[in-house]
Every structure is written in C-alpha cells, then in structure tokens.
Amino acid sequence: MPTIAPVLPIVFDDIFGVAGHTTIIGNAKQNLKNLLLTNPSERIDVEYGVGLKTYLFENITSITLETIKSKIVSQASKYLPSINISNVEVNPSTLSENGITIIITFSVSGSDATSLALSV
C-alpha cells in the first residue's frame, strides 16, 4: 500500500520496512502535532513553530490560553495552508492543575471534519 509520509517517530514493520501514513488525515495530524511542539528557530525557518514548550512555566491565565490559541491559528494558516481549521480549544487540563488540553477541529481538502487532541 502506498504511503504519504513516514510515521514519526520512525516505526518499522515486517512487510514494508518504514511504516507510513496511508491517509491524508493521519499525515495532517502528524504535521499539526509537529507544528505545535516545534520551537521557533528550531528549524531552518526561524518563525516556524508554536513552541508549546516555551509556555511550560507560565501561569495558566485566560491571556496565556488565548495567546496559544491565536498562535496555533496563525502558524497553521501560514505553514499548513491545506489544513482548514474550524475550531481551536485551549483549556486548563482536567487531569493536571499545571497542564493544558488543546483540541483542534479541522478538515483537509474537503474531507470530513476531524480533531486532534493534545495534553501538555
């Protein structure tokens, strides 16, 4: 079966060698996750990345949550234009008083809406 991009971190299977995404949605989720977790200037383009790790010791306030949300929307529109984001929720985590939960609802190329959930 043809693949679109390798699964990250690299995973090997017994049939095809390096495992890969076989759907556009799976690849889009991986690209979004990479965008969220990459720090600006970590790659060749110094502006690429939301840099969630930079908020690690910030107080969780409504201003911080709104800043993260707007950064996700602006970064995705600039670097992942094929992903159409319909909603971004950034909320304090219910699992940890020091964490946040991010839920991004999106679609790709006319596909049905799907979501990516990430807790940090």
N, C-alpha and C. Protein backbone atom coordinates (compact mmCIF):
# COMPACT_ATOMS: atom_id res chain seq x y z
N MET A 1 0.84 -1.17 0.00
CA MET A 1 0.00 0.00 0.00
C MET A 1 0.89 1.24 0.00
N PRO A 2 0.64 2.20 -0.88
CA PRO A 2 1.48 3.40 -0.93
C PRO A 2 1.27 4.27 0.31
N THR A 3 2.34 4.90 0.71
CA THR A 3 2.28 5.77 1.88
C THR A 3 2.50 7.21 1.48
N ILE A 4 2.02 8.12 2.30
CA ILE A 4 2.14 9.55 2.04
C ILE A 4 3.42 10.11 2.67
N ALA A 5 3.67 9.72 3.91
CA ALA A 5 4.85 10.20 4.65
C ALA A 5 5.14 9.20 5.76
N PRO A 6 6.38 9.13 6.22
CA PRO A 6 6.68 8.19 7.31
C PRO A 6 6.02 8.60 8.61
N VAL A 7 5.69 7.61 9.41
CA VAL A 7 5.17 7.85 10.75
C VAL A 7 6.33 8.30 11.62
N LEU A 8 6.11 9.36 12.39
CA LEU A 8 7.15 9.85 13.30
C LEU A 8 6.71 9.65 14.72
N PRO A 9 7.55 9.20 15.61
CA PRO A 9 8.91 8.74 15.36
C PRO A 9 8.90 7.50 14.46
N ILE A 10 10.00 7.29 13.77
CA ILE A 10 10.12 6.22 12.78
C ILE A 10 9.76 4.88 13.42
N VAL A 11 8.89 4.15 12.73
CA VAL A 11 8.45 2.83 13.17
C VAL A 11 8.67 1.87 12.00
N PHE A 12 9.18 0.68 12.29
CA PHE A 12 9.41 -0.31 11.25
C PHE A 12 8.35 -1.40 11.34
N ASP A 13 7.91 -1.88 10.17
CA ASP A 13 7.03 -3.05 10.16
C ASP A 13 7.70 -4.15 9.34
N ASP A 14 7.21 -5.36 9.46
CA ASP A 14 7.84 -6.52 8.83
C ASP A 14 7.60 -6.61 7.34
N ILE A 15 6.62 -5.89 6.82
CA ILE A 15 6.27 -6.03 5.41
C ILE A 15 6.90 -4.93 4.55
N PHE A 16 6.71 -3.67 4.95
CA PHE A 16 7.14 -2.55 4.11
C PHE A 16 8.39 -1.85 4.60
N GLY A 17 8.91 -2.21 5.74
CA GLY A 17 10.07 -1.51 6.28
C GLY A 17 9.62 -0.36 7.15
N VAL A 18 9.87 0.86 6.70
CA VAL A 18 9.47 2.04 7.46
C VAL A 18 7.96 2.23 7.31
N ALA A 19 7.25 2.27 8.44
CA ALA A 19 5.80 2.46 8.40
C ALA A 19 5.47 3.88 7.98
N GLY A 20 4.38 4.02 7.24
CA GLY A 20 4.00 5.34 6.76
C GLY A 20 2.51 5.58 6.88
N HIS A 21 2.15 6.86 6.80
CA HIS A 21 0.73 7.23 6.81
C HIS A 21 0.13 6.87 5.46
N THR A 22 -1.04 6.27 5.50
CA THR A 22 -1.73 5.91 4.26
C THR A 22 -2.92 6.82 4.01
N THR A 23 -3.19 7.76 4.93
CA THR A 23 -4.29 8.71 4.74
C THR A 23 -3.78 10.13 4.88
N ILE A 24 -4.46 11.04 4.22
CA ILE A 24 -4.11 12.46 4.32
C ILE A 24 -4.39 12.97 5.72
N ILE A 25 -5.46 12.47 6.35
CA ILE A 25 -5.82 12.91 7.70
C ILE A 25 -4.73 12.52 8.70
N GLY A 26 -4.22 11.30 8.62
CA GLY A 26 -3.15 10.86 9.51
C GLY A 26 -1.90 11.72 9.36
N ASN A 27 -1.58 12.06 8.13
CA ASN A 27 -0.43 12.90 7.87
C ASN A 27 -0.66 14.33 8.37
N ALA A 28 -1.89 14.83 8.20
CA ALA A 28 -2.21 16.18 8.67
C ALA A 28 -2.11 16.26 10.19
N LYS A 29 -2.58 15.23 10.89
CA LYS A 29 -2.47 15.22 12.36
C LYS A 29 -1.02 15.25 12.79
N GLN A 30 -0.17 14.49 12.10
CA GLN A 30 1.26 14.49 12.43
C GLN A 30 1.87 15.86 12.17
N ASN A 31 1.50 16.50 11.05
CA ASN A 31 2.04 17.82 10.73
C ASN A 31 1.60 18.87 11.76
N LEU A 32 0.34 18.80 12.18
CA LEU A 32 -0.15 19.72 13.21
C LEU A 32 0.60 19.52 14.53
N LYS A 33 0.77 18.27 14.92
CA LYS A 33 1.48 17.98 16.17
C LYS A 33 2.92 18.49 16.11
N ASN A 34 3.58 18.30 14.97
CA ASN A 34 4.95 18.82 14.81
C ASN A 34 4.98 20.34 14.91
N LEU A 35 3.99 21.00 14.31
CA LEU A 35 3.91 22.46 14.37
C LEU A 35 3.74 22.95 15.80
N LEU A 36 2.90 22.25 16.58
CA LEU A 36 2.65 22.64 17.97
C LEU A 36 3.89 22.45 18.85
N LEU A 37 4.62 21.38 18.65
CA LEU A 37 5.73 21.03 19.53
C LEU A 37 7.08 21.62 19.12
N THR A 38 7.17 22.16 17.90
CA THR A 38 8.42 22.75 17.44
C THR A 38 8.57 24.16 17.98
N ASN A 39 9.73 24.47 18.52
CA ASN A 39 10.03 25.82 19.00
C ASN A 39 10.46 26.70 17.83
N PRO A 40 10.05 27.97 17.81
CA PRO A 40 10.53 28.87 16.76
C PRO A 40 12.06 28.87 16.73
N SER A 41 12.62 28.91 15.55
CA SER A 41 14.05 28.88 15.24
C SER A 41 14.68 27.50 15.44
N GLU A 42 13.87 26.48 15.69
CA GLU A 42 14.40 25.13 15.83
C GLU A 42 14.69 24.51 14.46
N ARG A 43 14.00 25.00 13.45
CA ARG A 43 14.20 24.52 12.09
C ARG A 43 14.79 25.64 11.25
N ILE A 44 14.89 25.41 9.95
CA ILE A 44 15.51 26.40 9.06
C ILE A 44 14.75 27.72 9.08
N ASP A 45 13.41 27.68 9.01
CA ASP A 45 12.60 28.89 9.09
C ASP A 45 12.48 29.29 10.57
N VAL A 46 13.04 30.43 10.94
CA VAL A 46 13.11 30.81 12.34
C VAL A 46 11.75 31.15 12.94
N GLU A 47 10.72 31.33 12.12
CA GLU A 47 9.38 31.64 12.63
C GLU A 47 8.50 30.42 12.76
N TYR A 48 8.91 29.27 12.21
CA TYR A 48 8.09 28.06 12.21
C TYR A 48 7.96 27.50 13.62
N GLY A 49 6.75 27.21 14.02
CA GLY A 49 6.52 26.52 15.28
C GLY A 49 5.76 27.34 16.30
N VAL A 50 4.85 26.67 17.00
CA VAL A 50 4.08 27.30 18.08
C VAL A 50 4.92 27.36 19.35
N GLY A 51 5.72 26.34 19.59
CA GLY A 51 6.60 26.33 20.75
C GLY A 51 5.88 26.15 22.07
N LEU A 52 5.06 25.12 22.16
CA LEU A 52 4.32 24.87 23.40
C LEU A 52 5.24 24.72 24.60
N LYS A 53 6.45 24.22 24.38
CA LYS A 53 7.39 24.03 25.49
C LYS A 53 7.80 25.36 26.12
N THR A 54 7.72 26.44 25.37
CA THR A 54 8.09 27.75 25.91
C THR A 54 7.08 28.25 26.93
N TYR A 55 5.90 27.66 26.97
CA TYR A 55 4.87 28.04 27.94
C TYR A 55 4.90 27.15 29.18
N LEU A 56 5.91 26.31 29.30
CA LEU A 56 5.98 25.30 30.34
C LEU A 56 5.83 25.87 31.76
N PHE A 57 6.48 26.98 32.06
CA PHE A 57 6.42 27.53 33.42
C PHE A 57 5.61 28.82 33.50
N GLU A 58 4.79 29.07 32.48
CA GLU A 58 3.90 30.23 32.51
C GLU A 58 2.69 29.93 33.39
N ASN A 59 2.15 30.96 34.00
CA ASN A 59 0.89 30.80 34.72
C ASN A 59 -0.23 30.56 33.71
N ILE A 60 -1.15 29.69 34.06
CA ILE A 60 -2.26 29.40 33.16
C ILE A 60 -3.36 30.43 33.42
N THR A 61 -3.38 31.45 32.58
CA THR A 61 -4.38 32.51 32.66
C THR A 61 -5.16 32.54 31.35
N SER A 62 -6.25 33.27 31.35
CA SER A 62 -7.03 33.39 30.12
C SER A 62 -6.22 34.06 29.01
N ILE A 63 -5.33 34.97 29.38
CA ILE A 63 -4.49 35.64 28.38
C ILE A 63 -3.50 34.65 27.77
N THR A 64 -2.89 33.82 28.59
CA THR A 64 -1.95 32.80 28.09
C THR A 64 -2.66 31.82 27.17
N LEU A 65 -3.83 31.36 27.57
CA LEU A 65 -4.59 30.40 26.74
C LEU A 65 -4.99 31.03 25.41
N GLU A 66 -5.39 32.29 25.43
CA GLU A 66 -5.78 32.99 24.19
C GLU A 66 -4.56 33.22 23.30
N THR A 67 -3.41 33.50 23.89
CA THR A 67 -2.17 33.69 23.12
C THR A 67 -1.80 32.40 22.41
N ILE A 68 -1.88 31.27 23.11
CA ILE A 68 -1.57 29.98 22.49
C ILE A 68 -2.55 29.69 21.36
N LYS A 69 -3.82 29.93 21.59
CA LYS A 69 -4.84 29.69 20.57
C LYS A 69 -4.58 30.51 19.32
N SER A 70 -4.31 31.79 19.47
CA SER A 70 -4.07 32.65 18.30
C SER A 70 -2.80 32.26 17.58
N LYS A 71 -1.79 31.81 18.33
CA LYS A 71 -0.53 31.38 17.71
C LYS A 71 -0.74 30.10 16.90
N ILE A 72 -1.57 29.19 17.40
CA ILE A 72 -1.88 27.96 16.66
C ILE A 72 -2.56 28.31 15.34
N VAL A 73 -3.55 29.18 15.39
CA VAL A 73 -4.30 29.55 14.18
C VAL A 73 -3.40 30.24 13.17
N SER A 74 -2.58 31.20 13.62
CA SER A 74 -1.72 31.93 12.68
C SER A 74 -0.63 31.05 12.09
N GLN A 75 -0.02 30.19 12.92
CA GLN A 75 1.03 29.30 12.41
C GLN A 75 0.48 28.28 11.42
N ALA A 76 -0.68 27.71 11.73
CA ALA A 76 -1.29 26.72 10.83
C ALA A 76 -1.69 27.36 9.50
N SER A 77 -2.22 28.57 9.54
CA SER A 77 -2.62 29.22 8.29
C SER A 77 -1.40 29.56 7.44
N LYS A 78 -0.27 29.86 8.08
CA LYS A 78 0.94 30.21 7.33
C LYS A 78 1.68 28.98 6.81
N TYR A 79 1.84 27.95 7.66
CA TYR A 79 2.69 26.82 7.30
C TYR A 79 1.95 25.56 6.87
N LEU A 80 0.66 25.46 7.17
CA LEU A 80 -0.13 24.30 6.77
C LEU A 80 -1.41 24.78 6.09
N PRO A 81 -1.28 25.46 4.94
CA PRO A 81 -2.47 26.05 4.31
C PRO A 81 -3.49 25.03 3.79
N SER A 82 -3.09 23.78 3.64
CA SER A 82 -4.03 22.75 3.18
C SER A 82 -4.96 22.27 4.29
N ILE A 83 -4.65 22.64 5.54
CA ILE A 83 -5.47 22.26 6.68
C ILE A 83 -6.40 23.42 7.01
N ASN A 84 -7.70 23.14 6.97
CA ASN A 84 -8.71 24.15 7.27
C ASN A 84 -9.18 23.99 8.71
N ILE A 85 -8.72 24.86 9.58
CA ILE A 85 -9.08 24.77 10.99
C ILE A 85 -10.43 25.45 11.20
N SER A 86 -11.36 24.71 11.81
CA SER A 86 -12.67 25.28 12.10
C SER A 86 -12.82 25.70 13.56
N ASN A 87 -12.04 25.09 14.46
CA ASN A 87 -12.14 25.44 15.87
C ASN A 87 -10.87 25.02 16.61
N VAL A 88 -10.46 25.86 17.55
CA VAL A 88 -9.33 25.54 18.43
C VAL A 88 -9.78 25.82 19.86
N GLU A 89 -9.66 24.82 20.72
CA GLU A 89 -9.96 24.98 22.13
C GLU A 89 -8.67 24.77 22.92
N VAL A 90 -8.35 25.73 23.76
CA VAL A 90 -7.19 25.63 24.66
C VAL A 90 -7.72 25.86 26.06
N ASN A 91 -7.70 24.83 26.88
CA ASN A 91 -8.28 24.89 28.22
C ASN A 91 -7.33 24.31 29.26
N PRO A 92 -7.48 24.74 30.50
CA PRO A 92 -6.71 24.09 31.57
C PRO A 92 -7.06 22.61 31.62
N SER A 93 -6.10 21.78 31.87
CA SER A 93 -6.30 20.34 31.90
C SER A 93 -7.14 19.92 33.10
N THR A 94 -7.99 18.94 32.88
CA THR A 94 -8.76 18.37 33.99
C THR A 94 -7.94 17.28 34.69
N LEU A 95 -6.86 16.84 34.06
CA LEU A 95 -6.03 15.78 34.62
C LEU A 95 -4.92 16.32 35.52
N SER A 96 -4.48 17.55 35.24
CA SER A 96 -3.37 18.12 35.99
C SER A 96 -3.62 19.62 36.17
N GLU A 97 -3.38 20.13 37.35
CA GLU A 97 -3.61 21.55 37.58
C GLU A 97 -2.56 22.42 36.88
N ASN A 98 -1.49 21.81 36.40
CA ASN A 98 -0.43 22.56 35.72
C ASN A 98 -0.39 22.32 34.22
N GLY A 99 -1.39 21.67 33.66
CA GLY A 99 -1.36 21.35 32.25
C GLY A 99 -2.46 22.03 31.47
N ILE A 100 -2.38 21.89 30.16
CA ILE A 100 -3.43 22.39 29.27
C ILE A 100 -3.83 21.29 28.30
N THR A 101 -5.04 21.40 27.81
CA THR A 101 -5.55 20.48 26.79
C THR A 101 -5.89 21.31 25.56
N ILE A 102 -5.43 20.84 24.41
CA ILE A 102 -5.69 21.53 23.15
C ILE A 102 -6.49 20.57 22.26
N ILE A 103 -7.58 21.06 21.71
CA ILE A 103 -8.38 20.29 20.76
C ILE A 103 -8.54 21.14 19.51
N ILE A 104 -8.04 20.63 18.39
CA ILE A 104 -8.11 21.34 17.11
C ILE A 104 -9.04 20.55 16.20
N THR A 105 -10.11 21.19 15.76
CA THR A 105 -11.03 20.57 14.79
C THR A 105 -10.67 21.12 13.42
N PHE A 106 -10.47 20.22 12.47
CA PHE A 106 -10.01 20.65 11.14
C PHE A 106 -10.49 19.69 10.06
N SER A 107 -10.30 20.11 8.81
CA SER A 107 -10.55 19.25 7.66
C SER A 107 -9.44 19.49 6.65
N VAL A 108 -9.28 18.55 5.74
CA VAL A 108 -8.26 18.66 4.71
C VAL A 108 -8.91 18.37 3.36
N SER A 109 -8.77 19.29 2.42
CA SER A 109 -9.22 19.09 1.04
C SER A 109 -10.63 18.54 0.94
N GLY A 110 -11.58 19.14 1.62
CA GLY A 110 -12.96 18.72 1.51
C GLY A 110 -13.31 17.45 2.25
N SER A 111 -12.42 16.95 3.08
CA SER A 111 -12.72 15.75 3.86
C SER A 111 -13.64 16.11 5.03
N ASP A 112 -14.16 15.11 5.68
CA ASP A 112 -14.99 15.35 6.86
C ASP A 112 -14.12 15.92 7.97
N ALA A 113 -14.75 16.70 8.85
CA ALA A 113 -14.01 17.29 9.96
C ALA A 113 -13.54 16.20 10.93
N THR A 114 -12.36 16.40 11.43
CA THR A 114 -11.78 15.50 12.43
C THR A 114 -11.09 16.36 13.47
N SER A 115 -10.57 15.75 14.51
CA SER A 115 -9.92 16.58 15.52
C SER A 115 -8.63 15.92 16.01
N LEU A 116 -7.77 16.77 16.54
CA LEU A 116 -6.53 16.36 17.16
C LEU A 116 -6.57 16.87 18.59
N ALA A 117 -6.40 15.99 19.54
CA ALA A 117 -6.38 16.37 20.96
C ALA A 117 -4.97 16.14 21.49
N LEU A 118 -4.48 17.12 22.25
CA LEU A 118 -3.13 17.04 22.80
C LEU A 118 -3.14 17.62 24.21
N SER A 119 -2.60 16.89 25.16
CA SER A 119 -2.47 17.39 26.52
C SER A 119 -1.01 17.63 26.82
N VAL A 120 -0.73 18.78 27.38
CA VAL A 120 0.65 19.17 27.68
C VAL A 120 0.72 19.57 29.14
